[in-house]
Amino acid sequence: MKPTELRIGNIVKYNEEEYTIMCITHCATIENKMGWVNLPFTELKGVKLTEENIIKIGFYKNNTENNKTYSLKVSGNYTMNIYFNRFGIAKFNLNTFFAIEVKYIHQLQNIISALTEDI
């Protein structure tokens, strides 16, 4: 993983377990049972975007025909939507303006951060 892909608070995978990025310098710092650990960026992997983990970051399931659609209110009147197609691929859109494929939870977290001006 590249350091430019990460922000503090991103969820990443290391040794098949999920961790939150606590600090970013010349390496990434995560917190595990032993305390804070510094890791090279190359040892971190993205966490695959799933229906379960988008709920963990605040999305709610829509009551529509397509039960694989989830939404999150962001700045002003904007709503982010994530839907999973029949192949399990997540697509993101903002008030239905456009749709892009999102593979990992840290990518979605970065989009939310940019839209909410949480920089």
PDB file of N, CA and C in Angstrom:
ATOM      1  N   MET A   1       0.839  -1.162   0.000  1.00  0.00           N
ATOM      2  CA  MET A   1       0.000   0.000   0.000  1.00  0.00           C
ATOM      3  C   MET A   1       0.895   1.239   0.000  1.00  0.00           C
ATOM      4  N   LYS A   2       0.456   2.269  -0.670  1.00  0.00           N
ATOM      5  CA  LYS A   2       1.218   3.520  -0.728  1.00  0.00           C
ATOM      6  C   LYS A   2       0.793   4.450   0.408  1.00  0.00           C
ATOM      7  N   PRO A   3       1.744   5.208   0.967  1.00  0.00           N
ATOM      8  CA  PRO A   3       1.387   6.130   2.053  1.00  0.00           C
ATOM      9  C   PRO A   3       0.370   7.184   1.617  1.00  0.00           C
ATOM     10  N   THR A   4       0.359   7.540   0.356  1.00  0.00           N
ATOM     11  CA  THR A   4      -0.589   8.553  -0.132  1.00  0.00           C
ATOM     12  C   THR A   4      -2.024   8.047  -0.160  1.00  0.00           C
ATOM     13  N   GLU A   5      -2.229   6.747  -0.021  1.00  0.00           N
ATOM     14  CA  GLU A   5      -3.571   6.170  -0.010  1.00  0.00           C
ATOM     15  C   GLU A   5      -4.201   6.196   1.382  1.00  0.00           C
ATOM     16  N   LEU A   6      -3.404   6.504   2.397  1.00  0.00           N
ATOM     17  CA  LEU A   6      -3.860   6.348   3.772  1.00  0.00           C
ATOM     18  C   LEU A   6      -4.085   7.667   4.492  1.00  0.00           C
ATOM     19  N   ARG A   7      -5.010   7.624   5.439  1.00  0.00           N
ATOM     20  CA  ARG A   7      -5.296   8.726   6.349  1.00  0.00           C
ATOM     21  C   ARG A   7      -5.419   8.138   7.754  1.00  0.00           C
ATOM     22  N   ILE A   8      -5.224   8.966   8.751  1.00  0.00           N
ATOM     23  CA  ILE A   8      -5.435   8.524  10.128  1.00  0.00           C
ATOM     24  C   ILE A   8      -6.900   8.126  10.261  1.00  0.00           C
ATOM     25  N   GLY A   9      -7.135   6.990  10.867  1.00  0.00           N
ATOM     26  CA  GLY A   9      -8.488   6.490  11.043  1.00  0.00           C
ATOM     27  C   GLY A   9      -8.888   5.435  10.021  1.00  0.00           C
ATOM     28  N   ASN A  10      -8.089   5.285   8.941  1.00  0.00           N
ATOM     29  CA  ASN A  10      -8.401   4.266   7.941  1.00  0.00           C
ATOM     30  C   ASN A  10      -8.292   2.874   8.544  1.00  0.00           C
ATOM     31  N   ILE A  11      -9.151   1.992   8.074  1.00  0.00           N
ATOM     32  CA  ILE A  11      -9.119   0.595   8.490  1.00  0.00           C
ATOM     33  C   ILE A  11      -8.334  -0.181   7.440  1.00  0.00           C
ATOM     34  N   VAL A  12      -7.317  -0.918   7.893  1.00  0.00           N
ATOM     35  CA  VAL A  12      -6.455  -1.690   7.001  1.00  0.00           C
ATOM     36  C   VAL A  12      -6.277  -3.100   7.554  1.00  0.00           C
ATOM     37  N   LYS A  13      -5.669  -3.946   6.753  1.00  0.00           N
ATOM     38  CA  LYS A  13      -5.426  -5.328   7.171  1.00  0.00           C
ATOM     39  C   LYS A  13      -3.924  -5.546   7.292  1.00  0.00           C
ATOM     40  N   TYR A  14      -3.535  -6.216   8.376  1.00  0.00           N
ATOM     41  CA  TYR A  14      -2.153  -6.628   8.601  1.00  0.00           C
ATOM     42  C   TYR A  14      -2.201  -8.022   9.205  1.00  0.00           C
ATOM     43  N   ASN A  15      -1.481  -8.967   8.624  1.00  0.00           N
ATOM     44  CA  ASN A  15      -1.499 -10.365   9.083  1.00  0.00           C
ATOM     45  C   ASN A  15      -2.925 -10.892   9.232  1.00  0.00           C
ATOM     46  N   GLU A  16      -3.750 -10.593   8.244  1.00  0.00           N
ATOM     47  CA  GLU A  16      -5.134 -11.084   8.173  1.00  0.00           C
ATOM     48  C   GLU A  16      -6.057 -10.549   9.269  1.00  0.00           C
ATOM     49  N   GLU A  17      -5.636  -9.522  10.004  1.00  0.00           N
ATOM     50  CA  GLU A  17      -6.490  -8.891  11.003  1.00  0.00           C
ATOM     51  C   GLU A  17      -6.678  -7.424  10.643  1.00  0.00           C
ATOM     52  N   GLU A  18      -7.824  -6.849  11.044  1.00  0.00           N
ATOM     53  CA  GLU A  18      -8.123  -5.449  10.748  1.00  0.00           C
ATOM     54  C   GLU A  18      -7.628  -4.540  11.870  1.00  0.00           C
ATOM     55  N   TYR A  19      -7.042  -3.401  11.462  1.00  0.00           N
ATOM     56  CA  TYR A  19      -6.531  -2.411  12.407  1.00  0.00           C
ATOM     57  C   TYR A  19      -6.870  -1.016  11.895  1.00  0.00           C
ATOM     58  N   THR A  20      -6.815  -0.047  12.815  1.00  0.00           N
ATOM     59  CA  THR A  20      -7.031   1.345  12.462  1.00  0.00           C
ATOM     60  C   THR A  20      -5.690   2.062  12.445  1.00  0.00           C
ATOM     61  N   ILE A  21      -5.481   2.886  11.419  1.00  0.00           N
ATOM     62  CA  ILE A  21      -4.256   3.687  11.330  1.00  0.00           C
ATOM     63  C   ILE A  21      -4.316   4.783  12.395  1.00  0.00           C
ATOM     64  N   MET A  22      -3.299   4.847  13.250  1.00  0.00           N
ATOM     65  CA  MET A  22      -3.249   5.814  14.341  1.00  0.00           C
ATOM     66  C   MET A  22      -2.347   7.004  14.008  1.00  0.00           C
ATOM     67  N   CYS A  23      -1.314   6.754  13.189  1.00  0.00           N
ATOM     68  CA  CYS A  23      -0.342   7.790  12.869  1.00  0.00           C
ATOM     69  C   CYS A  23       0.330   7.425  11.543  1.00  0.00           C
ATOM     70  N   ILE A  24       0.715   8.445  10.781  1.00  0.00           N
ATOM     71  CA  ILE A  24       1.420   8.212   9.522  1.00  0.00           C
ATOM     72  C   ILE A  24       2.650   9.114   9.492  1.00  0.00           C
ATOM     73  N   THR A  25       3.804   8.482   9.403  1.00  0.00           N
ATOM     74  CA  THR A  25       5.065   9.222   9.259  1.00  0.00           C
ATOM     75  C   THR A  25       5.848   8.519   8.157  1.00  0.00           C
ATOM     76  N   HIS A  26       7.046   8.064   8.445  1.00  0.00           N
ATOM     77  CA  HIS A  26       7.827   7.280   7.494  1.00  0.00           C
ATOM     78  C   HIS A  26       7.303   5.843   7.426  1.00  0.00           C
ATOM     79  N   CYS A  27       6.357   5.534   8.333  1.00  0.00           N
ATOM     80  CA  CYS A  27       5.708   4.226   8.382  1.00  0.00           C
ATOM     81  C   CYS A  27       4.274   4.446   8.874  1.00  0.00           C
ATOM     82  N   ALA A  28       3.522   3.382   8.972  1.00  0.00           N
ATOM     83  CA  ALA A  28       2.149   3.464   9.485  1.00  0.00           C
ATOM     84  C   ALA A  28       2.130   2.916  10.905  1.00  0.00           C
ATOM     85  N   THR A  29       1.423   3.585  11.777  1.00  0.00           N
ATOM     86  CA  THR A  29       1.305   3.124  13.153  1.00  0.00           C
ATOM     87  C   THR A  29      -0.110   2.608  13.372  1.00  0.00           C
ATOM     88  N   ILE A  30      -0.193   1.369  13.863  1.00  0.00           N
ATOM     89  CA  ILE A  30      -1.489   0.771  14.211  1.00  0.00           C
ATOM     90  C   ILE A  30      -1.473   0.467  15.700  1.00  0.00           C
ATOM     91  N   GLU A  31      -2.639   0.209  16.256  1.00  0.00           N
ATOM     92  CA  GLU A  31      -2.706  -0.195  17.660  1.00  0.00           C
ATOM     93  C   GLU A  31      -3.194  -1.630  17.719  1.00  0.00           C
ATOM     94  N   ASN A  32      -2.417  -2.465  18.404  1.00  0.00           N
ATOM     95  CA  ASN A  32      -2.856  -3.844  18.616  1.00  0.00           C
ATOM     96  C   ASN A  32      -2.860  -4.132  20.112  1.00  0.00           C
ATOM     97  N   LYS A  33      -2.988  -5.390  20.494  1.00  0.00           N
ATOM     98  CA  LYS A  33      -3.086  -5.764  21.912  1.00  0.00           C
ATOM     99  C   LYS A  33      -1.851  -5.372  22.715  1.00  0.00           C
ATOM    100  N   MET A  34      -0.709  -5.274  22.056  1.00  0.00           N
ATOM    101  CA  MET A  34       0.546  -4.953  22.729  1.00  0.00           C
ATOM    102  C   MET A  34       0.821  -3.449  22.788  1.00  0.00           C
ATOM    103  N   GLY A  35       0.003  -2.652  22.134  1.00  0.00           N
ATOM    104  CA  GLY A  35       0.220  -1.202  22.085  1.00  0.00           C
ATOM    105  C   GLY A  35       0.353  -0.732  20.647  1.00  0.00           C
ATOM    106  N   TRP A  36       1.019   0.371  20.459  1.00  0.00           N
ATOM    107  CA  TRP A  36       1.201   0.930  19.113  1.00  0.00           C
ATOM    108  C   TRP A  36       2.383   0.254  18.429  1.00  0.00           C
ATOM    109  N   VAL A  37       2.207  -0.076  17.155  1.00  0.00           N
ATOM    110  CA  VAL A  37       3.230  -0.778  16.385  1.00  0.00           C
ATOM    111  C   VAL A  37       3.451  -0.023  15.075  1.00  0.00           C
ATOM    112  N   ASN A  38       4.707   0.214  14.740  1.00  0.00           N
ATOM    113  CA  ASN A  38       5.055   0.857  13.469  1.00  0.00           C
ATOM    114  C   ASN A  38       5.300  -0.210  12.422  1.00  0.00           C
ATOM    115  N   LEU A  39       4.697  -0.029  11.256  1.00  0.00           N
ATOM    116  CA  LEU A  39       4.815  -1.000  10.170  1.00  0.00           C
ATOM    117  C   LEU A  39       5.146  -0.317   8.865  1.00  0.00           C
ATOM    118  N   PRO A  40       5.940  -0.981   8.019  1.00  0.00           N
ATOM    119  CA  PRO A  40       6.146  -0.442   6.664  1.00  0.00           C
ATOM    120  C   PRO A  40       4.821  -0.462   5.906  1.00  0.00           C
ATOM    121  N   PHE A  41       4.601   0.528   5.070  1.00  0.00           N
ATOM    122  CA  PHE A  41       3.361   0.608   4.291  1.00  0.00           C
ATOM    123  C   PHE A  41       3.152  -0.633   3.429  1.00  0.00           C
ATOM    124  N   THR A  42       4.242  -1.222   2.984  1.00  0.00           N
ATOM    125  CA  THR A  42       4.152  -2.384   2.093  1.00  0.00           C
ATOM    126  C   THR A  42       3.545  -3.607   2.770  1.00  0.00           C
ATOM    127  N   GLU A  43       3.505  -3.619   4.112  1.00  0.00           N
ATOM    128  CA  GLU A  43       2.939  -4.766   4.832  1.00  0.00           C
ATOM    129  C   GLU A  43       1.433  -4.638   5.059  1.00  0.00           C
ATOM    130  N   LEU A  44       0.859  -3.508   4.688  1.00  0.00           N
ATOM    131  CA  LEU A  44      -0.568  -3.279   4.898  1.00  0.00           C
ATOM    132  C   LEU A  44      -1.351  -3.597   3.634  1.00  0.00           C
ATOM    133  N   LYS A  45      -2.543  -4.097   3.824  1.00  0.00           N
ATOM    134  CA  LYS A  45      -3.444  -4.438   2.714  1.00  0.00           C
ATOM    135  C   LYS A  45      -4.780  -3.731   2.941  1.00  0.00           C
ATOM    136  N   GLY A  46      -5.516  -3.552   1.862  1.00  0.00           N
ATOM    137  CA  GLY A  46      -6.849  -2.990   1.965  1.00  0.00           C
ATOM    138  C   GLY A  46      -7.829  -4.030   2.480  1.00  0.00           C
ATOM    139  N   VAL A  47      -8.849  -3.565   3.191  1.00  0.00           N
ATOM    140  CA  VAL A  47      -9.926  -4.437   3.670  1.00  0.00           C
ATOM    141  C   VAL A  47     -11.029  -4.375   2.626  1.00  0.00           C
ATOM    142  N   LYS A  48     -11.373  -5.522   2.074  1.00  0.00           N
ATOM    143  CA  LYS A  48     -12.404  -5.607   1.041  1.00  0.00           C
ATOM    144  C   LYS A  48     -13.711  -4.994   1.534  1.00  0.00           C
ATOM    145  N   LEU A  49     -14.314  -4.178   0.700  1.00  0.00           N
ATOM    146  CA  LEU A  49     -15.577  -3.538   1.043  1.00  0.00           C
ATOM    147  C   LEU A  49     -16.703  -4.562   1.021  1.00  0.00           C
ATOM    148  N   THR A  50     -17.391  -4.690   2.136  1.00  0.00           N
ATOM    149  CA  THR A  50     -18.508  -5.633   2.242  1.00  0.00           C
ATOM    150  C   THR A  50     -19.703  -4.915   2.841  1.00  0.00           C
ATOM    151  N   GLU A  51     -20.852  -5.548   2.740  1.00  0.00           N
ATOM    152  CA  GLU A  51     -22.061  -4.978   3.333  1.00  0.00           C
ATOM    153  C   GLU A  51     -21.909  -4.835   4.846  1.00  0.00           C
ATOM    154  N   GLU A  52     -21.250  -5.775   5.471  1.00  0.00           N
ATOM    155  CA  GLU A  52     -21.070  -5.733   6.920  1.00  0.00           C
ATOM    156  C   GLU A  52     -20.207  -4.555   7.351  1.00  0.00           C
ATOM    157  N   ASN A  53     -19.087  -4.318   6.656  1.00  0.00           N
ATOM    158  CA  ASN A  53     -18.208  -3.262   7.152  1.00  0.00           C
ATOM    159  C   ASN A  53     -18.636  -1.854   6.759  1.00  0.00           C
ATOM    160  N   ILE A  54     -19.517  -1.684   5.767  1.00  0.00           N
ATOM    161  CA  ILE A  54     -19.998  -0.315   5.508  1.00  0.00           C
ATOM    162  C   ILE A  54     -20.999   0.113   6.577  1.00  0.00           C
ATOM    163  N   ILE A  55     -21.695  -0.841   7.167  1.00  0.00           N
ATOM    164  CA  ILE A  55     -22.596  -0.524   8.279  1.00  0.00           C
ATOM    165  C   ILE A  55     -21.771  -0.077   9.485  1.00  0.00           C
ATOM    166  N   LYS A  56     -20.593  -0.697   9.692  1.00  0.00           N
ATOM    167  CA  LYS A  56     -19.723  -0.330  10.806  1.00  0.00           C
ATOM    168  C   LYS A  56     -19.274   1.126  10.732  1.00  0.00           C
ATOM    169  N   ILE A  57     -19.152   1.680   9.518  1.00  0.00           N
ATOM    170  CA  ILE A  57     -18.680   3.059   9.407  1.00  0.00           C
ATOM    171  C   ILE A  57     -19.826   4.062   9.251  1.00  0.00           C
ATOM    172  N   GLY A  58     -21.065   3.604   9.470  1.00  0.00           N
ATOM    173  CA  GLY A  58     -22.168   4.548   9.556  1.00  0.00           C
ATOM    174  C   GLY A  58     -23.220   4.518   8.471  1.00  0.00           C
ATOM    175  N   PHE A  59     -23.082   3.672   7.469  1.00  0.00           N
ATOM    176  CA  PHE A  59     -24.101   3.580   6.418  1.00  0.00           C
ATOM    177  C   PHE A  59     -25.314   2.840   6.963  1.00  0.00           C
ATOM    178  N   TYR A  60     -26.477   3.163   6.430  1.00  0.00           N
ATOM    179  CA  TYR A  60     -27.696   2.447   6.801  1.00  0.00           C
ATOM    180  C   TYR A  60     -28.271   1.784   5.565  1.00  0.00           C
ATOM    181  N   LYS A  61     -28.942   0.657   5.782  1.00  0.00           N
ATOM    182  CA  LYS A  61     -29.536  -0.115   4.696  1.00  0.00           C
ATOM    183  C   LYS A  61     -30.841   0.550   4.269  1.00  0.00           C
ATOM    184  N   ASN A  62     -30.997   0.742   2.972  1.00  0.00           N
ATOM    185  CA  ASN A  62     -32.230   1.330   2.443  1.00  0.00           C
ATOM    186  C   ASN A  62     -33.315   0.279   2.357  1.00  0.00           C
ATOM    187  N   ASN A  63     -34.524   0.690   2.564  1.00  0.00           N
ATOM    188  CA  ASN A  63     -35.674  -0.199   2.410  1.00  0.00           C
ATOM    189  C   ASN A  63     -36.207  -0.062   0.994  1.00  0.00           C
ATOM    190  N   THR A  64     -35.494  -0.633   0.059  1.00  0.00           N
ATOM    191  CA  THR A  64     -35.891  -0.578  -1.341  1.00  0.00           C
ATOM    192  C   THR A  64     -35.968  -2.001  -1.864  1.00  0.00           C
ATOM    193  N   GLU A  65     -36.381  -2.110  -3.121  1.00  0.00           N
ATOM    194  CA  GLU A  65     -36.405  -3.435  -3.759  1.00  0.00           C
ATOM    195  C   GLU A  65     -35.024  -4.065  -3.728  1.00  0.00           C
ATOM    196  N   ASN A  66     -34.022  -3.247  -4.003  1.00  0.00           N
ATOM    197  CA  ASN A  66     -32.643  -3.730  -4.004  1.00  0.00           C
ATOM    198  C   ASN A  66     -32.119  -3.650  -2.574  1.00  0.00           C
ATOM    199  N   ASN A  67     -32.160  -4.753  -1.833  1.00  0.00           N
ATOM    200  CA  ASN A  67     -31.727  -4.710  -0.450  1.00  0.00           C
ATOM    201  C   ASN A  67     -30.218  -4.634  -0.297  1.00  0.00           C
ATOM    202  N   LYS A  68     -29.502  -4.404  -1.355  1.00  0.00           N
ATOM    203  CA  LYS A  68     -28.059  -4.270  -1.254  1.00  0.00           C
ATOM    204  C   LYS A  68     -27.635  -2.822  -1.486  1.00  0.00           C
ATOM    205  N   THR A  69     -28.512  -1.872  -1.131  1.00  0.00           N
ATOM    206  CA  THR A  69     -28.209  -0.452  -1.266  1.00  0.00           C
ATOM    207  C   THR A  69     -28.115   0.162   0.127  1.00  0.00           C
ATOM    208  N   TYR A  70     -27.066   0.957   0.344  1.00  0.00           N
ATOM    209  CA  TYR A  70     -26.816   1.577   1.639  1.00  0.00           C
ATOM    210  C   TYR A  70     -26.542   3.056   1.430  1.00  0.00           C
ATOM    211  N   SER A  71     -26.908   3.889   2.411  1.00  0.00           N
ATOM    212  CA  SER A  71     -26.746   5.338   2.278  1.00  0.00           C
ATOM    213  C   SER A  71     -26.111   5.928   3.525  1.00  0.00           C
ATOM    214  N   LEU A  72     -25.533   7.129   3.335  1.00  0.00           N
ATOM    215  CA  LEU A  72     -24.943   7.897   4.423  1.00  0.00           C
ATOM    216  C   LEU A  72     -25.118   9.364   4.086  1.00  0.00           C
ATOM    217  N   LYS A  73     -25.706  10.145   5.002  1.00  0.00           N
ATOM    218  CA  LYS A  73     -25.848  11.593   4.809  1.00  0.00           C
ATOM    219  C   LYS A  73     -24.489  12.239   5.038  1.00  0.00           C
ATOM    220  N   VAL A  74     -24.088  13.101   4.097  1.00  0.00           N
ATOM    221  CA  VAL A  74     -22.850  13.866   4.259  1.00  0.00           C
ATOM    222  C   VAL A  74     -23.198  15.345   4.118  1.00  0.00           C
ATOM    223  N   SER A  75     -22.221  16.222   4.005  1.00  0.00           N
ATOM    224  CA  SER A  75     -22.421  17.671   4.004  1.00  0.00           C
ATOM    225  C   SER A  75     -23.697  18.123   3.315  1.00  0.00           C
ATOM    226  N   GLY A  76     -24.408  18.995   3.996  1.00  0.00           N
ATOM    227  CA  GLY A  76     -25.598  19.603   3.412  1.00  0.00           C
ATOM    228  C   GLY A  76     -26.657  18.590   3.060  1.00  0.00           C
ATOM    229  N   ASN A  77     -27.129  18.682   1.829  1.00  0.00           N
ATOM    230  CA  ASN A  77     -28.207  17.803   1.372  1.00  0.00           C
ATOM    231  C   ASN A  77     -27.683  16.611   0.576  1.00  0.00           C
ATOM    232  N   TYR A  78     -26.418  16.318   0.684  1.00  0.00           N
ATOM    233  CA  TYR A  78     -25.843  15.240  -0.098  1.00  0.00           C
ATOM    234  C   TYR A  78     -25.943  13.905   0.621  1.00  0.00           C
ATOM    235  N   THR A  79     -26.223  12.879  -0.143  1.00  0.00           N
ATOM    236  CA  THR A  79     -26.277  11.524   0.378  1.00  0.00           C
ATOM    237  C   THR A  79     -25.360  10.644  -0.458  1.00  0.00           C
ATOM    238  N   MET A  80     -24.487   9.919   0.225  1.00  0.00           N
ATOM    239  CA  MET A  80     -23.644   8.940  -0.447  1.00  0.00           C
ATOM    240  C   MET A  80     -24.405   7.633  -0.492  1.00  0.00           C
ATOM    241  N   ASN A  81     -24.331   6.963  -1.611  1.00  0.00           N
ATOM    242  CA  ASN A  81     -24.984   5.664  -1.763  1.00  0.00           C
ATOM    243  C   ASN A  81     -23.964   4.629  -2.205  1.00  0.00           C
ATOM    244  N   ILE A  82     -24.073   3.464  -1.635  1.00  0.00           N
ATOM    245  CA  ILE A  82     -23.255   2.323  -2.046  1.00  0.00           C
ATOM    246  C   ILE A  82     -24.219   1.225  -2.429  1.00  0.00           C
ATOM    247  N   TYR A  83     -24.003   0.631  -3.566  1.00  0.00           N
ATOM    248  CA  TYR A  83     -24.815  -0.526  -3.916  1.00  0.00           C
ATOM    249  C   TYR A  83     -23.913  -1.621  -4.440  1.00  0.00           C
ATOM    250  N   PHE A  84     -24.313  -2.847  -4.188  1.00  0.00           N
ATOM    251  CA  PHE A  84     -23.558  -4.012  -4.608  1.00  0.00           C
ATOM    252  C   PHE A  84     -24.293  -4.646  -5.781  1.00  0.00           C
ATOM    253  N   ASN A  85     -23.593  -4.785  -6.905  1.00  0.00           N
ATOM    254  CA  ASN A  85     -24.241  -5.407  -8.057  1.00  0.00           C
ATOM    255  C   ASN A  85     -24.286  -6.924  -7.875  1.00  0.00           C
ATOM    256  N   ARG A  86     -24.818  -7.604  -8.850  1.00  0.00           N
ATOM    257  CA  ARG A  86     -24.997  -9.061  -8.704  1.00  0.00           C
ATOM    258  C   ARG A  86     -23.683  -9.828  -8.606  1.00  0.00           C
ATOM    259  N   PHE A  87     -22.562  -9.167  -8.926  1.00  0.00           N
ATOM    260  CA  PHE A  87     -21.253  -9.806  -8.815  1.00  0.00           C
ATOM    261  C   PHE A  87     -20.571  -9.456  -7.496  1.00  0.00           C
ATOM    262  N   GLY A  88     -21.278  -8.698  -6.636  1.00  0.00           N
ATOM    263  CA  GLY A  88     -20.722  -8.302  -5.347  1.00  0.00           C
ATOM    264  C   GLY A  88     -19.785  -7.115  -5.429  1.00  0.00           C
ATOM    265  N   ILE A  89     -19.761  -6.420  -6.566  1.00  0.00           N
ATOM    266  CA  ILE A  89     -18.895  -5.252  -6.730  1.00  0.00           C
ATOM    267  C   ILE A  89     -19.631  -4.024  -6.204  1.00  0.00           C
ATOM    268  N   ALA A  90     -18.956  -3.256  -5.345  1.00  0.00           N
ATOM    269  CA  ALA A  90     -19.562  -2.068  -4.753  1.00  0.00           C
ATOM    270  C   ALA A  90     -19.387  -0.877  -5.685  1.00  0.00           C
ATOM    271  N   LYS A  91     -20.467  -0.148  -5.886  1.00  0.00           N
ATOM    272  CA  LYS A  91     -20.444   1.093  -6.660  1.00  0.00           C
ATOM    273  C   LYS A  91     -20.871   2.218  -5.737  1.00  0.00           C
ATOM    274  N   PHE A  92     -20.199   3.341  -5.837  1.00  0.00           N
ATOM    275  CA  PHE A  92     -20.470   4.503  -5.009  1.00  0.00           C
ATOM    276  C   PHE A  92     -21.064   5.592  -5.880  1.00  0.00           C
ATOM    277  N   ASN A  93     -22.050   6.316  -5.363  1.00  0.00           N
ATOM    278  CA  ASN A  93     -22.503   7.525  -6.039  1.00  0.00           C
ATOM    279  C   ASN A  93     -22.905   8.561  -5.010  1.00  0.00           C
ATOM    280  N   LEU A  94     -22.939   9.803  -5.454  1.00  0.00           N
ATOM    281  CA  LEU A  94     -23.301  10.930  -4.608  1.00  0.00           C
ATOM    282  C   LEU A  94     -24.544  11.554  -5.200  1.00  0.00           C
ATOM    283  N   ASN A  95     -25.671  11.437  -4.509  1.00  0.00           N
ATOM    284  CA  ASN A  95     -26.949  11.956  -5.010  1.00  0.00           C
ATOM    285  C   ASN A  95     -27.204  11.522  -6.447  1.00  0.00           C
ATOM    286  N   THR A  96     -26.801  10.324  -6.788  1.00  0.00           N
ATOM    287  CA  THR A  96     -26.979   9.695  -8.107  1.00  0.00           C
ATOM    288  C   THR A  96     -26.308  10.465  -9.249  1.00  0.00           C
ATOM    289  N   PHE A  97     -25.298  11.298  -8.955  1.00  0.00           N
ATOM    290  CA  PHE A  97     -24.608  12.052 -10.009  1.00  0.00           C
ATOM    291  C   PHE A  97     -23.684  11.179 -10.845  1.00  0.00           C
ATOM    292  N   PHE A  98     -23.018  10.258 -10.240  1.00  0.00           N
ATOM    293  CA  PHE A  98     -22.063   9.406 -10.939  1.00  0.00           C
ATOM    294  C   PHE A  98     -21.879   8.136 -10.131  1.00  0.00           C
ATOM    295  N   ALA A  99     -21.268   7.151 -10.735  1.00  0.00           N
ATOM    296  CA  ALA A  99     -21.008   5.902 -10.002  1.00  0.00           C
ATOM    297  C   ALA A  99     -19.583   5.454 -10.298  1.00  0.00           C
ATOM    298  N   ILE A 100     -18.839   5.161  -9.255  1.00  0.00           N
ATOM    299  CA  ILE A 100     -17.491   4.634  -9.416  1.00  0.00           C
ATOM    300  C   ILE A 100     -17.362   3.373  -8.572  1.00  0.00           C
ATOM    301  N   GLU A 101     -16.489   2.506  -8.993  1.00  0.00           N
ATOM    302  CA  GLU A 101     -16.248   1.272  -8.258  1.00  0.00           C
ATOM    303  C   GLU A 101     -15.318   1.551  -7.084  1.00  0.00           C
ATOM    304  N   VAL A 102     -15.656   1.000  -5.933  1.00  0.00           N
ATOM    305  CA  VAL A 102     -14.837   1.122  -4.737  1.00  0.00           C
ATOM    306  C   VAL A 102     -14.561  -0.289  -4.241  1.00  0.00           C
ATOM    307  N   LYS A 103     -13.286  -0.615  -4.042  1.00  0.00           N
ATOM    308  CA  LYS A 103     -12.930  -1.982  -3.647  1.00  0.00           C
ATOM    309  C   LYS A 103     -12.624  -2.136  -2.163  1.00  0.00           C
ATOM    310  N   TYR A 104     -12.066  -1.080  -1.564  1.00  0.00           N
ATOM    311  CA  TYR A 104     -11.574  -1.211  -0.197  1.00  0.00           C
ATOM    312  C   TYR A 104     -12.184  -0.163   0.722  1.00  0.00           C
ATOM    313  N   ILE A 105     -12.294  -0.517   1.992  1.00  0.00           N
ATOM    314  CA  ILE A 105     -12.922   0.365   2.958  1.00  0.00           C
ATOM    315  C   ILE A 105     -12.141   1.664   3.125  1.00  0.00           C
ATOM    316  N   HIS A 106     -10.803   1.632   3.053  1.00  0.00           N
ATOM    317  CA  HIS A 106     -10.047   2.877   3.223  1.00  0.00           C
ATOM    318  C   HIS A 106     -10.328   3.853   2.074  1.00  0.00           C
ATOM    319  N   GLN A 107     -10.622   3.342   0.875  1.00  0.00           N
ATOM    320  CA  GLN A 107     -10.968   4.226  -0.238  1.00  0.00           C
ATOM    321  C   GLN A 107     -12.273   4.959   0.068  1.00  0.00           C
ATOM    322  N   LEU A 108     -13.256   4.236   0.569  1.00  0.00           N
ATOM    323  CA  LEU A 108     -14.537   4.839   0.920  1.00  0.00           C
ATOM    324  C   LEU A 108     -14.365   5.834   2.065  1.00  0.00           C
ATOM    325  N   GLN A 109     -13.556   5.493   3.059  1.00  0.00           N
ATOM    326  CA  GLN A 109     -13.306   6.407   4.170  1.00  0.00           C
ATOM    327  C   GLN A 109     -12.674   7.708   3.666  1.00  0.00           C
ATOM    328  N   ASN A 110     -11.771   7.607   2.692  1.00  0.00           N
ATOM    329  CA  ASN A 110     -11.124   8.799   2.147  1.00  0.00           C
ATOM    330  C   ASN A 110     -12.108   9.663   1.369  1.00  0.00           C
ATOM    331  N   ILE A 111     -13.038   9.048   0.652  1.00  0.00           N
ATOM    332  CA  ILE A 111     -14.068   9.801  -0.073  1.00  0.00           C
ATOM    333  C   ILE A 111     -14.952  10.543   0.929  1.00  0.00           C
ATOM    334  N   ILE A 112     -15.382   9.857   1.980  1.00  0.00           N
ATOM    335  CA  ILE A 112     -16.217  10.484   3.004  1.00  0.00           C
ATOM    336  C   ILE A 112     -15.478  11.669   3.621  1.00  0.00           C
ATOM    337  N   SER A 113     -14.225  11.464   3.938  1.00  0.00           N
ATOM    338  CA  SER A 113     -13.418  12.515   4.551  1.00  0.00           C
ATOM    339  C   SER A 113     -13.321  13.734   3.632  1.00  0.00           C
ATOM    340  N   ALA A 114     -13.104  13.508   2.351  1.00  0.00           N
ATOM    341  CA  ALA A 114     -13.000  14.622   1.399  1.00  0.00           C
ATOM    342  C   ALA A 114     -14.337  15.355   1.265  1.00  0.00           C
ATOM    343  N   LEU A 115     -15.440  14.634   1.237  1.00  0.00           N
ATOM    344  CA  LEU A 115     -16.752  15.262   1.077  1.00  0.00           C
ATOM    345  C   LEU A 115     -17.225  16.005   2.320  1.00  0.00           C
ATOM    346  N   THR A 116     -16.767  15.577   3.473  1.00  0.00           N
ATOM    347  CA  THR A 116     -17.197  16.228   4.701  1.00  0.00           C
ATOM    348  C   THR A 116     -16.166  17.258   5.165  1.00  0.00           C
ATOM    349  N   GLU A 117     -15.165  17.473   4.357  1.00  0.00           N
ATOM    350  CA  GLU A 117     -14.085  18.427   4.645  1.00  0.00           C
ATOM    351  C   GLU A 117     -13.379  18.092   5.942  1.00  0.00           C
ATOM    352  N   ASP A 118     -13.320  16.823   6.273  1.00  0.00           N
ATOM    353  CA  ASP A 118     -12.624  16.345   7.459  1.00  0.00           C
ATOM    354  C   ASP A 118     -11.176  16.061   7.060  1.00  0.00           C
ATOM    355  N   ILE A 119     -10.435  17.125   6.817  1.00  0.00           N
ATOM    356  CA  ILE A 119      -9.069  16.979   6.286  1.00  0.00           C
ATOM    357  C   ILE A 119      -8.047  17.282   7.356  1.00  0.00           C
TER     358      ILE A 119
END
